[in-house]
Amino acid sequence: MSTATLTRCAWCSDDPLYIAYHDDEWGVPVTDDRKLFEMLILEGAQAGLAWITILRKREGYRRAFADFDPAQIARFDESDVVRLMADEGIVRNRLKIDSAIRNARVFLKMQEEHGSFADWLWRQVDYTPQCNRLHRLADTPATSPLSDQISKSLKKAGMNFVGSTIIYAFLQATGVVNDHLTDCHRYTLCPPGRVSLPHV
């Protein structure tokens, strides 16, 4: 079947970058810590902006932020902040840049405490994605009790730009929550089921 004839979630535009993201990434369970960190930073960077803006800057972010290696980012200093503020390949917002560095440091602490960030995150849902049955885009929530809980925990750990709305988008993106609409061709390709982590 041609990808042009597939039914997709109503939020997905006809932009090839958006389509590829929707079809290949959004809603697929992520268990890799670096990928989870990447999405956490990108969702925070999106605050107040359209997601397509972030997608178009994603390669710029990977280049500017050490391919989202939290150990490297945690060592960024003021000279790196100055460099990033001059980088047109990313969103040049001082608060968001500072947040990425701060969150990298907290992320490392959480890895040390819990073995991996993925293990901590997936433990919140007993390693099983929450599979919603949404029929209309209007049915999609902006937050949930789960995103409230995770947001609160991350803030307590020391992160910022992790409000419940940002975290809900993060959970959707990383497959902790499956919010593909029921008529979307990806809905049945992201079925509920226990996620296997290497050490669990």
N, C-alpha and C. Protein backbone atom coordinates (compact mmCIF):
# COMPACT_ATOMS: atom_id res chain seq x y z
N MET A 1 0.85 -1.19 0.00
CA MET A 1 0.00 0.00 0.00
C MET A 1 0.89 1.25 0.00
N SER A 2 0.52 2.19 -0.84
CA SER A 2 1.27 3.44 -0.89
C SER A 2 1.11 4.19 0.42
N THR A 3 2.21 4.78 0.88
CA THR A 3 2.12 5.55 2.13
C THR A 3 1.20 6.74 1.97
N ALA A 4 1.00 7.19 0.73
CA ALA A 4 0.14 8.35 0.49
C ALA A 4 -1.32 8.04 0.78
N THR A 5 -1.70 6.75 0.74
CA THR A 5 -3.10 6.38 0.94
C THR A 5 -3.39 5.91 2.37
N LEU A 6 -2.38 5.89 3.21
CA LEU A 6 -2.56 5.43 4.58
C LEU A 6 -3.28 6.48 5.42
N THR A 7 -4.11 6.01 6.33
CA THR A 7 -4.78 6.91 7.27
C THR A 7 -3.86 7.16 8.45
N ARG A 8 -3.69 8.44 8.78
CA ARG A 8 -2.81 8.82 9.89
C ARG A 8 -3.57 9.66 10.90
N CYS A 9 -2.94 9.84 12.06
CA CYS A 9 -3.50 10.72 13.08
C CYS A 9 -3.71 12.11 12.49
N ALA A 10 -4.78 12.75 12.93
CA ALA A 10 -5.18 14.03 12.32
C ALA A 10 -4.14 15.13 12.49
N TRP A 11 -3.25 15.01 13.49
CA TRP A 11 -2.25 16.05 13.72
C TRP A 11 -1.10 15.98 12.72
N CYS A 12 -0.97 14.86 12.04
CA CYS A 12 0.16 14.67 11.11
C CYS A 12 -0.10 15.39 9.80
N SER A 13 0.73 16.36 9.47
CA SER A 13 0.56 17.12 8.23
C SER A 13 1.12 16.33 7.05
N ASP A 14 1.14 16.95 5.89
CA ASP A 14 1.68 16.26 4.71
C ASP A 14 3.17 16.52 4.53
N ASP A 15 3.81 17.13 5.51
CA ASP A 15 5.25 17.35 5.46
C ASP A 15 5.96 15.99 5.56
N PRO A 16 6.85 15.66 4.61
CA PRO A 16 7.53 14.36 4.63
C PRO A 16 8.26 14.08 5.95
N LEU A 17 8.81 15.12 6.57
CA LEU A 17 9.51 14.95 7.84
C LEU A 17 8.54 14.55 8.94
N TYR A 18 7.39 15.18 8.92
CA TYR A 18 6.35 14.88 9.91
C TYR A 18 5.81 13.46 9.70
N ILE A 19 5.58 13.10 8.44
CA ILE A 19 5.05 11.77 8.13
C ILE A 19 6.02 10.69 8.58
N ALA A 20 7.31 10.89 8.29
CA ALA A 20 8.32 9.90 8.69
C ALA A 20 8.37 9.77 10.21
N TYR A 21 8.28 10.89 10.91
CA TYR A 21 8.30 10.85 12.37
C TYR A 21 7.08 10.10 12.89
N HIS A 22 5.91 10.43 12.36
CA HIS A 22 4.68 9.76 12.79
C HIS A 22 4.73 8.27 12.50
N ASP A 23 5.16 7.90 11.31
CA ASP A 23 5.11 6.50 10.88
C ASP A 23 6.19 5.63 11.51
N ASP A 24 7.35 6.21 11.80
CA ASP A 24 8.49 5.41 12.23
C ASP A 24 8.85 5.53 13.70
N GLU A 25 8.45 6.62 14.35
CA GLU A 25 8.91 6.86 15.72
C GLU A 25 7.80 7.05 16.74
N TRP A 26 6.86 7.92 16.45
CA TRP A 26 5.89 8.35 17.46
C TRP A 26 5.07 7.18 17.97
N GLY A 27 5.11 6.94 19.26
CA GLY A 27 4.33 5.87 19.85
C GLY A 27 5.04 4.54 19.94
N VAL A 28 6.25 4.44 19.40
CA VAL A 28 7.02 3.20 19.48
C VAL A 28 7.76 3.18 20.82
N PRO A 29 7.60 2.14 21.64
CA PRO A 29 8.25 2.10 22.94
C PRO A 29 9.77 2.24 22.85
N VAL A 30 10.31 3.17 23.61
CA VAL A 30 11.75 3.45 23.63
C VAL A 30 12.32 2.96 24.95
N THR A 31 13.39 2.17 24.88
CA THR A 31 14.04 1.66 26.09
C THR A 31 15.50 2.07 26.17
N ASP A 32 15.97 2.84 25.22
CA ASP A 32 17.36 3.29 25.19
C ASP A 32 17.47 4.63 25.91
N ASP A 33 18.38 4.72 26.87
CA ASP A 33 18.48 5.92 27.69
C ASP A 33 18.82 7.16 26.87
N ARG A 34 19.73 7.05 25.92
CA ARG A 34 20.11 8.25 25.17
C ARG A 34 18.95 8.75 24.33
N LYS A 35 18.20 7.83 23.76
CA LYS A 35 17.02 8.23 22.97
C LYS A 35 15.98 8.88 23.88
N LEU A 36 15.79 8.33 25.05
CA LEU A 36 14.84 8.92 25.99
C LEU A 36 15.29 10.32 26.40
N PHE A 37 16.60 10.49 26.62
CA PHE A 37 17.11 11.80 26.97
C PHE A 37 16.92 12.79 25.82
N GLU A 38 17.17 12.33 24.60
CA GLU A 38 16.96 13.18 23.43
C GLU A 38 15.53 13.69 23.38
N MET A 39 14.57 12.80 23.54
CA MET A 39 13.17 13.20 23.44
C MET A 39 12.78 14.11 24.60
N LEU A 40 13.34 13.88 25.77
CA LEU A 40 13.06 14.73 26.92
C LEU A 40 13.51 16.17 26.65
N ILE A 41 14.71 16.30 26.07
CA ILE A 41 15.24 17.63 25.77
C ILE A 41 14.46 18.28 24.63
N LEU A 42 14.16 17.52 23.60
CA LEU A 42 13.44 18.09 22.45
C LEU A 42 12.02 18.50 22.84
N GLU A 43 11.35 17.71 23.67
CA GLU A 43 10.00 18.09 24.09
C GLU A 43 10.05 19.36 24.93
N GLY A 44 11.07 19.50 25.76
CA GLY A 44 11.22 20.74 26.51
C GLY A 44 11.50 21.92 25.62
N ALA A 45 12.30 21.69 24.57
CA ALA A 45 12.62 22.76 23.62
C ALA A 45 11.40 23.21 22.84
N GLN A 46 10.43 22.31 22.68
CA GLN A 46 9.25 22.63 21.89
C GLN A 46 8.32 23.61 22.59
N ALA A 47 8.41 23.70 23.91
CA ALA A 47 7.46 24.52 24.67
C ALA A 47 7.20 25.86 24.00
N GLY A 48 5.95 26.11 23.62
CA GLY A 48 5.56 27.36 22.97
C GLY A 48 5.76 27.37 21.47
N LEU A 49 6.26 26.27 20.91
CA LEU A 49 6.55 26.19 19.48
C LEU A 49 5.82 25.01 18.85
N ALA A 50 5.79 24.96 17.53
CA ALA A 50 5.22 23.82 16.82
C ALA A 50 6.25 22.69 16.78
N TRP A 51 5.78 21.45 16.88
CA TRP A 51 6.70 20.32 16.89
C TRP A 51 7.50 20.22 15.59
N ILE A 52 6.90 20.62 14.48
CA ILE A 52 7.63 20.56 13.20
C ILE A 52 8.85 21.47 13.24
N THR A 53 8.79 22.56 14.00
CA THR A 53 9.95 23.44 14.14
C THR A 53 11.10 22.68 14.78
N ILE A 54 10.80 21.88 15.79
CA ILE A 54 11.83 21.09 16.47
C ILE A 54 12.34 19.98 15.56
N LEU A 55 11.45 19.33 14.84
CA LEU A 55 11.89 18.28 13.92
C LEU A 55 12.88 18.82 12.90
N ARG A 56 12.60 20.02 12.41
CA ARG A 56 13.50 20.61 11.41
C ARG A 56 14.85 21.01 11.99
N LYS A 57 14.90 21.20 13.30
CA LYS A 57 16.14 21.56 13.97
C LYS A 57 16.80 20.36 14.66
N ARG A 58 16.24 19.20 14.49
CA ARG A 58 16.72 18.03 15.24
C ARG A 58 18.19 17.72 14.96
N GLU A 59 18.58 17.76 13.71
CA GLU A 59 19.99 17.48 13.40
C GLU A 59 20.89 18.56 13.98
N GLY A 60 20.40 19.78 14.00
CA GLY A 60 21.15 20.87 14.62
C GLY A 60 21.34 20.61 16.11
N TYR A 61 20.31 20.11 16.74
CA TYR A 61 20.40 19.76 18.16
C TYR A 61 21.40 18.64 18.38
N ARG A 62 21.35 17.63 17.54
CA ARG A 62 22.27 16.50 17.70
C ARG A 62 23.72 16.96 17.58
N ARG A 63 23.95 17.86 16.66
CA ARG A 63 25.31 18.38 16.48
C ARG A 63 25.72 19.27 17.64
N ALA A 64 24.83 20.16 18.04
CA ALA A 64 25.16 21.14 19.07
C ALA A 64 25.22 20.53 20.47
N PHE A 65 24.44 19.49 20.70
CA PHE A 65 24.35 18.89 22.03
C PHE A 65 24.97 17.49 22.07
N ALA A 66 26.14 17.34 21.44
CA ALA A 66 26.95 16.12 21.57
C ALA A 66 26.15 14.85 21.33
N ASP A 67 25.29 14.88 20.31
CA ASP A 67 24.44 13.74 19.97
C ASP A 67 23.65 13.25 21.18
N PHE A 68 23.28 14.20 22.03
CA PHE A 68 22.45 13.94 23.21
C PHE A 68 23.11 12.96 24.19
N ASP A 69 24.41 13.07 24.31
CA ASP A 69 25.12 12.30 25.33
C ASP A 69 25.03 13.07 26.65
N PRO A 70 24.23 12.59 27.62
CA PRO A 70 24.05 13.37 28.85
C PRO A 70 25.35 13.59 29.62
N ALA A 71 26.28 12.65 29.54
CA ALA A 71 27.55 12.80 30.26
C ALA A 71 28.35 13.98 29.72
N GLN A 72 28.34 14.16 28.40
CA GLN A 72 29.04 15.30 27.81
C GLN A 72 28.31 16.60 28.10
N ILE A 73 27.00 16.58 27.95
CA ILE A 73 26.22 17.81 28.16
C ILE A 73 26.32 18.27 29.61
N ALA A 74 26.38 17.33 30.52
CA ALA A 74 26.48 17.68 31.94
C ALA A 74 27.75 18.47 32.25
N ARG A 75 28.74 18.35 31.38
CA ARG A 75 30.00 19.08 31.57
C ARG A 75 30.03 20.43 30.86
N PHE A 76 28.95 20.77 30.16
CA PHE A 76 28.91 22.07 29.47
C PHE A 76 29.04 23.19 30.50
N ASP A 77 29.78 24.24 30.09
CA ASP A 77 29.95 25.40 30.97
C ASP A 77 29.46 26.66 30.25
N GLU A 78 29.79 27.81 30.80
CA GLU A 78 29.29 29.07 30.25
C GLU A 78 29.75 29.29 28.82
N SER A 79 30.96 28.83 28.48
CA SER A 79 31.43 28.99 27.09
C SER A 79 30.57 28.19 26.13
N ASP A 80 30.09 27.04 26.58
CA ASP A 80 29.19 26.24 25.75
C ASP A 80 27.84 26.92 25.60
N VAL A 81 27.37 27.55 26.66
CA VAL A 81 26.11 28.28 26.59
C VAL A 81 26.22 29.42 25.59
N VAL A 82 27.32 30.14 25.61
CA VAL A 82 27.55 31.22 24.65
C VAL A 82 27.55 30.66 23.23
N ARG A 83 28.22 29.53 23.04
CA ARG A 83 28.26 28.88 21.73
C ARG A 83 26.86 28.51 21.27
N LEU A 84 26.08 27.93 22.16
CA LEU A 84 24.75 27.48 21.80
C LEU A 84 23.81 28.65 21.52
N MET A 85 23.97 29.73 22.24
CA MET A 85 23.13 30.90 22.01
C MET A 85 23.38 31.52 20.64
N ALA A 86 24.52 31.21 20.05
CA ALA A 86 24.85 31.74 18.72
C ALA A 86 24.54 30.74 17.60
N ASP A 87 24.05 29.57 17.97
CA ASP A 87 23.83 28.49 17.01
C ASP A 87 22.42 28.58 16.42
N GLU A 88 22.32 28.90 15.15
CA GLU A 88 21.02 29.04 14.50
C GLU A 88 20.35 27.69 14.25
N GLY A 89 21.07 26.61 14.49
CA GLY A 89 20.51 25.28 14.26
C GLY A 89 19.62 24.79 15.37
N ILE A 90 19.55 25.56 16.47
CA ILE A 90 18.70 25.17 17.59
C ILE A 90 17.81 26.35 18.00
N VAL A 91 16.94 26.10 18.95
CA VAL A 91 16.13 27.18 19.52
C VAL A 91 17.02 27.93 20.50
N ARG A 92 17.32 29.19 20.20
CA ARG A 92 18.27 29.94 21.02
C ARG A 92 17.54 30.65 22.16
N ASN A 93 17.18 29.86 23.12
CA ASN A 93 16.48 30.34 24.31
C ASN A 93 17.34 29.98 25.51
N ARG A 94 17.82 30.98 26.23
CA ARG A 94 18.77 30.73 27.31
C ARG A 94 18.18 29.80 28.37
N LEU A 95 16.92 29.99 28.71
CA LEU A 95 16.31 29.14 29.73
C LEU A 95 16.26 27.68 29.29
N LYS A 96 15.97 27.45 28.02
CA LYS A 96 15.89 26.07 27.51
C LYS A 96 17.28 25.45 27.41
N ILE A 97 18.27 26.24 27.04
CA ILE A 97 19.64 25.74 26.97
C ILE A 97 20.14 25.38 28.36
N ASP A 98 19.93 26.29 29.32
CA ASP A 98 20.33 26.01 30.70
C ASP A 98 19.62 24.76 31.22
N SER A 99 18.35 24.62 30.84
CA SER A 99 17.57 23.48 31.29
C SER A 99 18.15 22.16 30.76
N ALA A 100 18.57 22.15 29.51
CA ALA A 100 19.14 20.93 28.92
C ALA A 100 20.37 20.48 29.70
N ILE A 101 21.21 21.44 30.09
CA ILE A 101 22.42 21.12 30.85
C ILE A 101 22.06 20.65 32.25
N ARG A 102 21.17 21.37 32.88
CA ARG A 102 20.71 20.99 34.23
C ARG A 102 20.09 19.60 34.22
N ASN A 103 19.23 19.35 33.24
CA ASN A 103 18.54 18.07 33.17
C ASN A 103 19.48 16.92 32.87
N ALA A 104 20.55 17.20 32.11
CA ALA A 104 21.55 16.16 31.85
C ALA A 104 22.20 15.71 33.16
N ARG A 105 22.49 16.65 34.02
CA ARG A 105 23.12 16.33 35.31
C ARG A 105 22.18 15.51 36.20
N VAL A 106 20.91 15.89 36.19
CA VAL A 106 19.92 15.13 36.97
C VAL A 106 19.72 13.74 36.36
N PHE A 107 19.70 13.68 35.05
CA PHE A 107 19.53 12.41 34.33
C PHE A 107 20.62 11.42 34.75
N LEU A 108 21.86 11.90 34.83
CA LEU A 108 22.97 11.03 35.23
C LEU A 108 22.78 10.52 36.66
N LYS A 109 22.30 11.39 37.53
CA LYS A 109 22.05 10.98 38.91
C LYS A 109 20.95 9.92 38.97
N MET A 110 19.93 10.07 38.13
CA MET A 110 18.84 9.10 38.12
C MET A 110 19.33 7.76 37.56
N GLN A 111 20.20 7.81 36.56
CA GLN A 111 20.79 6.57 36.03
C GLN A 111 21.55 5.85 37.14
N GLU A 112 22.33 6.61 37.88
CA GLU A 112 23.14 6.02 38.95
C GLU A 112 22.25 5.41 40.03
N GLU A 113 21.18 6.10 40.34
CA GLU A 113 20.29 5.65 41.42
C GLU A 113 19.43 4.46 41.02
N HIS A 114 18.98 4.45 39.76
CA HIS A 114 18.00 3.44 39.33
C HIS A 114 18.56 2.41 38.36
N GLY A 115 19.83 2.50 38.01
CA GLY A 115 20.40 1.56 37.05
C GLY A 115 20.30 2.08 35.63
N SER A 116 19.14 2.59 35.27
CA SER A 116 18.94 3.28 33.99
C SER A 116 17.70 4.15 34.11
N PHE A 117 17.66 5.20 33.31
CA PHE A 117 16.47 6.04 33.29
C PHE A 117 15.30 5.26 32.74
N ALA A 118 15.58 4.42 31.73
CA ALA A 118 14.52 3.61 31.12
C ALA A 118 13.84 2.72 32.15
N ASP A 119 14.63 2.11 33.00
CA ASP A 119 14.06 1.24 34.03
C ASP A 119 13.16 2.05 34.96
N TRP A 120 13.63 3.22 35.38
CA TRP A 120 12.81 4.06 36.25
C TRP A 120 11.50 4.46 35.55
N LEU A 121 11.61 4.88 34.29
CA LEU A 121 10.43 5.35 33.56
C LEU A 121 9.42 4.24 33.35
N TRP A 122 9.88 3.10 32.84
CA TRP A 122 8.95 2.03 32.51
C TRP A 122 8.36 1.36 33.76
N ARG A 123 9.07 1.49 34.87
CA ARG A 123 8.53 0.96 36.13
C ARG A 123 7.25 1.69 36.52
N GLN A 124 7.11 2.94 36.05
CA GLN A 124 5.92 3.72 36.39
C GLN A 124 4.64 3.12 35.79
N VAL A 125 4.81 2.31 34.73
CA VAL A 125 3.64 1.69 34.08
C VAL A 125 3.77 0.16 34.09
N ASP A 126 4.56 -0.35 35.04
CA ASP A 126 4.78 -1.80 35.14
C ASP A 126 5.27 -2.37 33.81
N TYR A 127 6.11 -1.59 33.12
CA TYR A 127 6.76 -2.01 31.86
C TYR A 127 5.76 -2.33 30.76
N THR A 128 4.56 -1.76 30.86
CA THR A 128 3.51 -2.03 29.87
C THR A 128 2.94 -0.71 29.36
N PRO A 129 3.03 -0.43 28.05
CA PRO A 129 2.48 0.83 27.52
C PRO A 129 0.99 0.97 27.81
N GLN A 130 0.58 2.19 28.07
CA GLN A 130 -0.84 2.49 28.22
C GLN A 130 -1.41 2.70 26.82
N CYS A 131 -2.31 1.84 26.42
CA CYS A 131 -2.87 1.90 25.07
C CYS A 131 -4.27 2.51 25.13
N ASN A 132 -4.37 3.76 24.71
CA ASN A 132 -5.66 4.45 24.72
C ASN A 132 -6.45 4.15 23.45
N ARG A 133 -7.72 4.33 23.52
CA ARG A 133 -8.59 4.14 22.35
C ARG A 133 -9.23 5.48 22.00
N LEU A 134 -8.47 6.28 21.28
CA LEU A 134 -8.92 7.62 20.92
C LEU A 134 -9.47 7.61 19.50
N HIS A 135 -10.68 8.11 19.34
CA HIS A 135 -11.32 8.10 18.02
C HIS A 135 -11.18 9.43 17.29
N ARG A 136 -11.00 10.50 18.05
CA ARG A 136 -10.89 11.84 17.46
C ARG A 136 -9.72 12.57 18.09
N LEU A 137 -9.13 13.47 17.31
CA LEU A 137 -8.03 14.27 17.83
C LEU A 137 -8.46 15.02 19.08
N ALA A 138 -9.71 15.47 19.08
CA ALA A 138 -10.23 16.23 20.23
C ALA A 138 -10.28 15.40 21.50
N ASP A 139 -10.22 14.08 21.37
CA ASP A 139 -10.25 13.21 22.54
C ASP A 139 -8.89 13.10 23.22
N THR A 140 -7.84 13.55 22.55
CA THR A 140 -6.48 13.41 23.07
C THR A 140 -6.26 14.37 24.23
N PRO A 141 -5.90 13.85 25.39
CA PRO A 141 -5.67 14.73 26.53
C PRO A 141 -4.34 15.46 26.41
N ALA A 142 -4.21 16.55 27.15
CA ALA A 142 -2.94 17.29 27.20
C ALA A 142 -2.09 16.81 28.36
N THR A 143 -2.74 16.25 29.38
CA THR A 143 -2.06 15.70 30.54
C THR A 143 -2.82 14.48 31.01
N SER A 144 -2.27 13.79 31.99
CA SER A 144 -2.94 12.64 32.58
C SER A 144 -2.42 12.47 34.00
N PRO A 145 -3.07 11.64 34.80
CA PRO A 145 -2.53 11.37 36.14
C PRO A 145 -1.09 10.84 36.07
N LEU A 146 -0.80 10.04 35.03
CA LEU A 146 0.56 9.52 34.87
C LEU A 146 1.56 10.63 34.59
N SER A 147 1.22 11.54 33.68
CA SER A 147 2.15 12.64 33.37
C SER A 147 2.29 13.58 34.56
N ASP A 148 1.20 13.75 35.32
CA ASP A 148 1.28 14.55 36.55
C ASP A 148 2.29 13.94 37.52
N GLN A 149 2.19 12.64 37.69
CA GLN A 149 3.04 11.91 38.63
C GLN A 149 4.51 11.97 38.20
N ILE A 150 4.77 11.70 36.92
CA ILE A 150 6.15 11.69 36.43
C ILE A 150 6.74 13.09 36.45
N SER A 151 5.93 14.07 36.07
CA SER A 151 6.39 15.47 36.11
C SER A 151 6.80 15.84 37.52
N LYS A 152 5.97 15.49 38.48
CA LYS A 152 6.26 15.81 39.88
C LYS A 152 7.56 15.14 40.33
N SER A 153 7.75 13.89 39.94
CA SER A 153 8.96 13.16 40.33
C SER A 153 10.21 13.76 39.71
N LEU A 154 10.12 14.15 38.44
CA LEU A 154 11.28 14.73 37.76
C LEU A 154 11.63 16.10 38.34
N LYS A 155 10.61 16.88 38.66
CA LYS A 155 10.87 18.17 39.30
C LYS A 155 11.51 17.99 40.66
N LYS A 156 11.03 17.01 41.41
CA LYS A 156 11.59 16.75 42.72
C LYS A 156 13.05 16.32 42.61
N ALA A 157 13.37 15.59 41.52
CA ALA A 157 14.75 15.16 41.30
C ALA A 157 15.66 16.32 40.90
N GLY A 158 15.04 17.43 40.41
CA GLY A 158 15.82 18.62 40.07
C GLY A 158 15.71 19.10 38.64
N MET A 159 14.91 18.42 37.83
CA MET A 159 14.75 18.84 36.43
C MET A 159 13.79 20.02 36.32
N ASN A 160 13.89 20.75 35.21
CA ASN A 160 12.88 21.74 34.86
C ASN A 160 12.52 21.60 33.39
N PHE A 161 11.55 22.41 32.94
CA PHE A 161 10.93 22.22 31.63
C PHE A 161 10.39 20.79 31.52
N VAL A 162 9.81 20.32 32.60
CA VAL A 162 9.21 18.99 32.63
C VAL A 162 7.81 19.06 33.25
N GLY A 163 7.07 20.10 32.88
CA GLY A 163 5.69 20.20 33.32
C GLY A 163 4.86 19.05 32.78
N SER A 164 3.67 18.88 33.31
CA SER A 164 2.85 17.73 32.95
C SER A 164 2.51 17.68 31.46
N THR A 165 2.28 18.83 30.83
CA THR A 165 1.97 18.85 29.39
C THR A 165 3.17 18.39 28.57
N ILE A 166 4.36 18.88 28.92
CA ILE A 166 5.58 18.46 28.23
C ILE A 166 5.79 16.97 28.43
N ILE A 167 5.60 16.50 29.65
CA ILE A 167 5.82 15.09 29.94
C ILE A 167 4.80 14.21 29.24
N TYR A 168 3.55 14.67 29.13
CA TYR A 168 2.58 13.84 28.41
C TYR A 168 3.00 13.67 26.95
N ALA A 169 3.46 14.75 26.33
CA ALA A 169 3.95 14.66 24.94
C ALA A 169 5.15 13.71 24.86
N PHE A 170 6.01 13.77 25.86
CA PHE A 170 7.17 12.87 25.93
C PHE A 170 6.72 11.41 26.02
N LEU A 171 5.72 11.14 26.85
CA LEU A 171 5.21 9.78 27.01
C LEU A 171 4.58 9.28 25.71
N GLN A 172 3.87 10.14 25.00
CA GLN A 172 3.31 9.77 23.70
C GLN A 172 4.43 9.45 22.71
N ALA A 173 5.42 10.32 22.66
CA ALA A 173 6.50 10.18 21.69
C ALA A 173 7.30 8.90 21.91
N THR A 174 7.50 8.53 23.17
CA THR A 174 8.36 7.38 23.49
C THR A 174 7.58 6.09 23.70
N GLY A 175 6.30 6.10 23.40
CA GLY A 175 5.51 4.88 23.42
C GLY A 175 5.09 4.40 24.79
N VAL A 176 5.36 5.18 25.84
CA VAL A 176 4.85 4.82 27.15
C VAL A 176 3.32 4.90 27.12
N VAL A 177 2.83 5.83 26.31
CA VAL A 177 1.40 5.96 26.04
C VAL A 177 1.21 5.85 24.53
N ASN A 178 0.29 5.00 24.10
CA ASN A 178 -0.05 4.90 22.68
C ASN A 178 -1.30 5.72 22.41
N ASP A 179 -1.10 6.90 21.81
CA ASP A 179 -2.23 7.77 21.51
C ASP A 179 -2.50 7.89 20.01
N HIS A 180 -2.04 6.92 19.23
CA HIS A 180 -2.47 6.90 17.83
C HIS A 180 -4.00 6.73 17.81
N LEU A 181 -4.65 7.48 16.95
CA LEU A 181 -6.11 7.34 16.83
C LEU A 181 -6.44 5.95 16.32
N THR A 182 -7.61 5.45 16.67
CA THR A 182 -7.95 4.06 16.35
C THR A 182 -8.03 3.80 14.85
N ASP A 183 -8.27 4.84 14.04
CA ASP A 183 -8.31 4.62 12.58
C ASP A 183 -6.96 4.84 11.92
N CYS A 184 -5.96 5.20 12.70
CA CYS A 184 -4.62 5.41 12.16
C CYS A 184 -3.96 4.06 11.86
N HIS A 185 -3.23 3.99 10.77
CA HIS A 185 -2.60 2.71 10.39
C HIS A 185 -1.54 2.27 11.40
N ARG A 186 -1.07 3.20 12.25
CA ARG A 186 -0.07 2.85 13.24
C ARG A 186 -0.68 2.33 14.55
N TYR A 187 -1.96 2.48 14.73
CA TYR A 187 -2.57 2.10 16.00
C TYR A 187 -2.33 0.62 16.32
N THR A 188 -2.61 -0.24 15.37
CA THR A 188 -2.45 -1.68 15.62
C THR A 188 -1.00 -2.13 15.52
N LEU A 189 -0.11 -1.26 15.03
CA LEU A 189 1.31 -1.61 14.97
C LEU A 189 2.02 -1.28 16.27
N CYS A 190 1.31 -0.66 17.19
CA CYS A 190 1.86 -0.35 18.52
C CYS A 190 0.96 -0.99 19.57
N PRO A 191 0.86 -2.32 19.57
CA PRO A 191 -0.07 -2.97 20.50
C PRO A 191 0.45 -2.94 21.93
N PRO A 192 -0.45 -3.05 22.90
CA PRO A 192 -0.01 -3.12 24.30
C PRO A 192 0.72 -4.42 24.55
N GLY A 193 1.61 -4.43 25.47
CA GLY A 193 2.38 -5.63 25.80
C GLY A 193 3.59 -5.22 26.63
N ARG A 194 4.06 -6.11 27.45
CA ARG A 194 5.18 -5.81 28.33
C ARG A 194 6.43 -5.48 27.52
N VAL A 195 7.08 -4.39 27.91
CA VAL A 195 8.33 -3.97 27.26
C VAL A 195 9.50 -4.66 27.96
N SER A 196 10.40 -5.22 27.18
CA SER A 196 11.55 -5.92 27.75
C SER A 196 12.76 -4.97 27.79
N LEU A 197 13.30 -4.79 28.98
CA LEU A 197 14.55 -4.09 29.15
C LEU A 197 15.63 -5.14 29.40
N PRO A 198 16.83 -4.89 28.94
CA PRO A 198 17.89 -5.93 29.01
C PRO A 198 18.09 -6.53 30.40
N HIS A 199 17.94 -5.72 31.45
CA HIS A 199 18.26 -6.19 32.80
C HIS A 199 17.01 -6.45 33.64
N VAL A 200 15.83 -6.42 33.00
CA VAL A 200 14.58 -6.61 33.77
C VAL A 200 14.03 -8.00 33.53
